[in-house]
Protein backbone atom coordinates (compact mmCIF):
# COMPACT_ATOMS: atom_id res chain seq x y z
CA MET A 1 54.40 -8.44 -53.38
CA LYS A 2 52.51 -8.21 -56.59
CA ASN A 3 51.97 -5.13 -58.36
CA ALA A 4 50.90 -2.52 -55.80
CA PRO A 5 49.72 1.22 -56.65
CA SER A 6 52.72 3.22 -55.89
CA ASN A 7 50.80 4.68 -52.74
CA ALA A 8 50.06 1.00 -51.96
CA LYS A 9 53.51 -0.02 -51.87
CA SER A 10 54.75 3.27 -49.72
CA VAL A 11 52.63 2.17 -46.95
CA LEU A 12 53.37 -1.56 -46.86
CA ILE A 13 56.94 -1.08 -46.69
CA ASP A 14 56.93 1.31 -43.75
CA LYS A 15 58.67 -0.58 -40.52
CA ASP A 16 56.25 1.34 -38.05
CA THR A 17 53.78 -0.83 -36.23
CA SER A 18 51.40 1.92 -34.67
CA ALA A 19 47.91 0.54 -34.83
CA HIS A 20 47.36 3.96 -37.54
CA THR A 21 50.03 2.28 -39.89
CA GLN A 22 48.40 -1.05 -39.82
CA ARG A 23 45.15 0.06 -40.02
CA ASN A 24 46.37 1.84 -43.53
CA GLN A 25 48.48 -1.29 -44.42
CA ILE A 26 45.35 -3.68 -44.30
CA VAL A 27 43.40 -1.17 -46.53
CA ALA A 28 45.98 -1.26 -48.95
CA LEU A 29 46.59 -4.79 -49.07
CA ILE A 30 42.85 -5.85 -49.72
CA LYS A 31 42.83 -3.25 -52.14
CA GLN A 32 45.84 -5.13 -53.79
CA TYR A 33 44.88 -8.60 -53.48
CA GLN A 34 41.00 -8.58 -53.31
CA SER A 35 40.97 -10.01 -49.83
CA MET A 36 43.34 -11.19 -47.12
CA ASN A 37 43.10 -13.94 -44.11
CA THR A 38 44.56 -13.74 -40.75
CA PRO A 39 47.88 -15.73 -41.78
CA GLU A 40 48.25 -13.69 -45.01
CA PHE A 41 48.33 -10.24 -42.99
CA ARG A 42 50.76 -11.90 -40.72
CA GLU A 43 53.02 -12.80 -43.80
CA ASN A 44 52.78 -8.62 -44.03
CA GLY A 45 53.74 -7.66 -40.69
CA ILE A 46 50.39 -7.61 -39.31
CA MET A 47 50.33 -10.19 -36.49
CA ALA A 48 46.50 -9.40 -34.96
CA PRO A 49 44.64 -8.18 -37.61
CA ALA A 50 41.09 -8.87 -35.77
CA PRO A 51 41.31 -5.71 -33.51
CA ARG A 52 42.43 -3.43 -36.57
CA ILE A 53 39.72 -4.65 -38.80
CA PHE A 54 37.44 -3.95 -35.63
CA GLU A 55 38.50 -0.29 -35.51
CA LEU A 56 38.52 0.26 -39.05
CA ARG A 57 34.49 -0.90 -38.94
CA LYS A 58 34.00 1.31 -36.22
CA MET A 59 35.21 4.02 -38.09
CA GLY A 60 32.81 3.45 -40.76
CA MET A 61 34.80 1.25 -43.22
CA ALA A 62 32.77 -1.49 -44.28
CA ILE A 63 34.88 -4.68 -44.36
CA ASP A 64 33.30 -8.26 -44.10
CA LYS A 65 34.59 -11.89 -43.68
CA VAL A 66 34.26 -15.42 -44.83
CA LEU A 67 35.54 -18.25 -42.85
CA GLU A 68 37.38 -20.40 -44.43
CA THR A 69 40.10 -23.68 -43.94
CA TYR A 70 43.48 -23.03 -44.07
CA ILE A 71 46.62 -25.79 -44.38
CA ASP A 72 49.64 -23.54 -42.81
CA ASN A 73 53.27 -24.39 -44.03
CA THR A 74 53.42 -27.57 -41.78
CA GLY A 75 50.79 -29.07 -43.31
CA LYS A 76 48.17 -28.42 -40.19
CA THR A 77 44.64 -27.75 -41.22
CA HIS A 78 43.13 -24.54 -39.22
CA HIS A 79 39.29 -24.29 -39.55
CA GLY A 80 37.21 -20.79 -39.22
CA VAL A 81 40.15 -18.93 -40.43
CA ALA A 82 38.84 -15.22 -41.08
CA ARG A 83 39.32 -13.82 -44.73
CA TYR A 84 38.64 -10.12 -44.83
CA TYR A 85 37.24 -8.15 -47.57
CA PHE A 86 35.19 -4.86 -49.17
CA PRO A 87 31.45 -5.88 -49.48
CA ASN A 88 31.61 -4.55 -53.13
CA LYS A 89 34.60 -7.01 -54.26
CA PRO A 90 33.74 -10.52 -53.04
CA PRO A 91 36.70 -12.47 -52.76
CA ALA A 92 37.51 -14.78 -55.77
CA HIS A 93 38.66 -17.64 -53.82
CA GLU A 94 37.42 -21.54 -54.01
CA GLY A 95 36.23 -23.36 -51.31
CA MET A 96 35.48 -20.09 -49.00
CA GLY A 97 33.47 -21.00 -46.06
CA LYS A 98 30.13 -19.81 -45.22
CA GLU A 99 29.93 -16.01 -44.66
CA ILE A 100 29.64 -14.43 -41.48
CA ALA A 101 27.77 -11.58 -40.06
CA ALA A 102 30.40 -8.48 -39.89
């Protein structure tokens, strides 16, 4: 991983898979990388980010998403993959799909 703030780094190495820990990890990852898509969350140990994002939104956190095309490591193309970001820091990613209402 890139240089994470010290508090983010400690959250990211936590082996706990509880919803609480995963929500904290999602926030830390988005802060660190500006945006994350579903496969990137999975690479970081969060297998189902959508329910955790839903919970964070329900708690009052503003998290937006865009849908993008993603090519996985086998070369398969996946359309409509969610990329999550904080609305005050939109992702700087080329070729993203149309923004979807959060």
